[in-house]
């Protein structure tokens, strides 16, 4: 899911995945918005960020 990459961090989101296109030093996310899936997850291990794009 490609979304706009902001120039500054999305202050409400912490991300430690430094291989993501939207990652910013300091464990920040620069995605304008994120999508977490799947709908019927019952714990955090069953979820993932559908916004993730591998950094080239």
C-alpha atoms as a PDB file:
ATOM      1  CA  UNK A   1       0.000   0.000   0.000  1.00  0.00           C
ATOM      2  CA  UNK A   2       1.859   3.106  -1.219  1.00  0.00           C
ATOM      3  CA  UNK A   3       1.048   6.335   0.618  1.00  0.00           C
ATOM      4  CA  UNK A   4       2.606   9.795   0.654  1.00  0.00           C
ATOM      5  CA  UNK A   5       6.000  10.017   2.403  1.00  0.00           C
ATOM      6  CA  UNK A   6       6.143  13.081   4.635  1.00  0.00           C
ATOM      7  CA  UNK A   7       9.269  15.176   5.227  1.00  0.00           C
ATOM      8  CA  UNK A   8       8.823  14.958   8.995  1.00  0.00           C
ATOM      9  CA  UNK A   9       7.792  12.058  11.231  1.00  0.00           C
ATOM     10  CA  UNK A  10       4.203  11.099  11.916  1.00  0.00           C
ATOM     11  CA  UNK A  11       4.394  11.853  15.634  1.00  0.00           C
ATOM     12  CA  UNK A  12       1.724   9.340  16.632  1.00  0.00           C
ATOM     13  CA  UNK A  13       3.611   6.347  15.204  1.00  0.00           C
ATOM     14  CA  UNK A  14       6.771   4.662  16.513  1.00  0.00           C
ATOM     15  CA  UNK A  15       8.483   2.275  14.096  1.00  0.00           C
ATOM     16  CA  UNK A  16      11.715   0.325  14.583  1.00  0.00           C
ATOM     17  CA  UNK A  17      11.718  -1.398  11.160  1.00  0.00           C
ATOM     18  CA  UNK A  18      14.766   0.271   9.617  1.00  0.00           C
ATOM     19  CA  UNK A  19      14.317  -1.618   6.325  1.00  0.00           C
ATOM     20  CA  UNK A  20      11.049   0.213   5.566  1.00  0.00           C
ATOM     21  CA  UNK A  21      10.821   3.002   2.967  1.00  0.00           C
ATOM     22  CA  UNK A  22       8.974   5.168   5.527  1.00  0.00           C
ATOM     23  CA  UNK A  23      11.481   4.677   8.377  1.00  0.00           C
ATOM     24  CA  UNK A  24      13.260   7.752   9.760  1.00  0.00           C
ATOM     25  CA  UNK A  25      16.211   7.736  12.198  1.00  0.00           C
ATOM     26  CA  UNK A  26      15.056   7.813  15.801  1.00  0.00           C
ATOM     27  CA  UNK A  27      12.441   5.078  15.223  1.00  0.00           C
ATOM     28  CA  UNK A  28       9.967   7.337  13.436  1.00  0.00           C
ATOM     29  CA  UNK A  29       7.516   6.656  10.607  1.00  0.00           C
ATOM     30  CA  UNK A  30       7.101   9.169   7.775  1.00  0.00           C
ATOM     31  CA  UNK A  31       4.051   7.543   6.177  1.00  0.00           C
ATOM     32  CA  UNK A  32       1.132   9.954   5.959  1.00  0.00           C
ATOM     33  CA  UNK A  33      -1.069   7.132   7.258  1.00  0.00           C
ATOM     34  CA  UNK A  34      -0.664   3.421   7.984  1.00  0.00           C
ATOM     35  CA  UNK A  35      -2.848   0.356   7.640  1.00  0.00           C
ATOM     36  CA  UNK A  36      -2.583  -2.479  10.160  1.00  0.00           C
ATOM     37  CA  UNK A  37      -4.005  -5.889   9.203  1.00  0.00           C
ATOM     38  CA  UNK A  38      -5.742  -8.361   9.431  1.00  0.00           C
ATOM     39  CA  UNK A  39      -9.228  -7.436  10.544  1.00  0.00           C
ATOM     40  CA  UNK A  40      -9.843 -10.368  12.905  1.00  0.00           C
ATOM     41  CA  UNK A  41      -6.484 -10.514  14.716  1.00  0.00           C
ATOM     42  CA  UNK A  42      -6.695 -11.562  18.347  1.00  0.00           C
ATOM     43  CA  UNK A  43      -3.198 -10.517  19.503  1.00  0.00           C
ATOM     44  CA  UNK A  44      -0.285  -8.338  18.396  1.00  0.00           C
ATOM     45  CA  UNK A  45       1.649 -11.280  16.925  1.00  0.00           C
ATOM     46  CA  UNK A  46      -1.123 -11.735  14.357  1.00  0.00           C
ATOM     47  CA  UNK A  47      -0.908  -8.163  13.060  1.00  0.00           C
ATOM     48  CA  UNK A  48       1.351  -6.425  10.573  1.00  0.00           C
ATOM     49  CA  UNK A  49       1.772  -3.060   8.904  1.00  0.00           C
ATOM     50  CA  UNK A  50       0.323  -3.298   5.406  1.00  0.00           C
ATOM     51  CA  UNK A  51       1.961   0.052   4.611  1.00  0.00           C
ATOM     52  CA  UNK A  52       5.465  -1.493   4.785  1.00  0.00           C
ATOM     53  CA  UNK A  53       7.512  -1.186   1.595  1.00  0.00           C
ATOM     54  CA  UNK A  54      11.052  -2.578   1.582  1.00  0.00           C
ATOM     55  CA  UNK A  55      13.593   0.217   1.268  1.00  0.00           C
ATOM     56  CA  UNK A  56      15.639  -0.100  -1.926  1.00  0.00           C
END
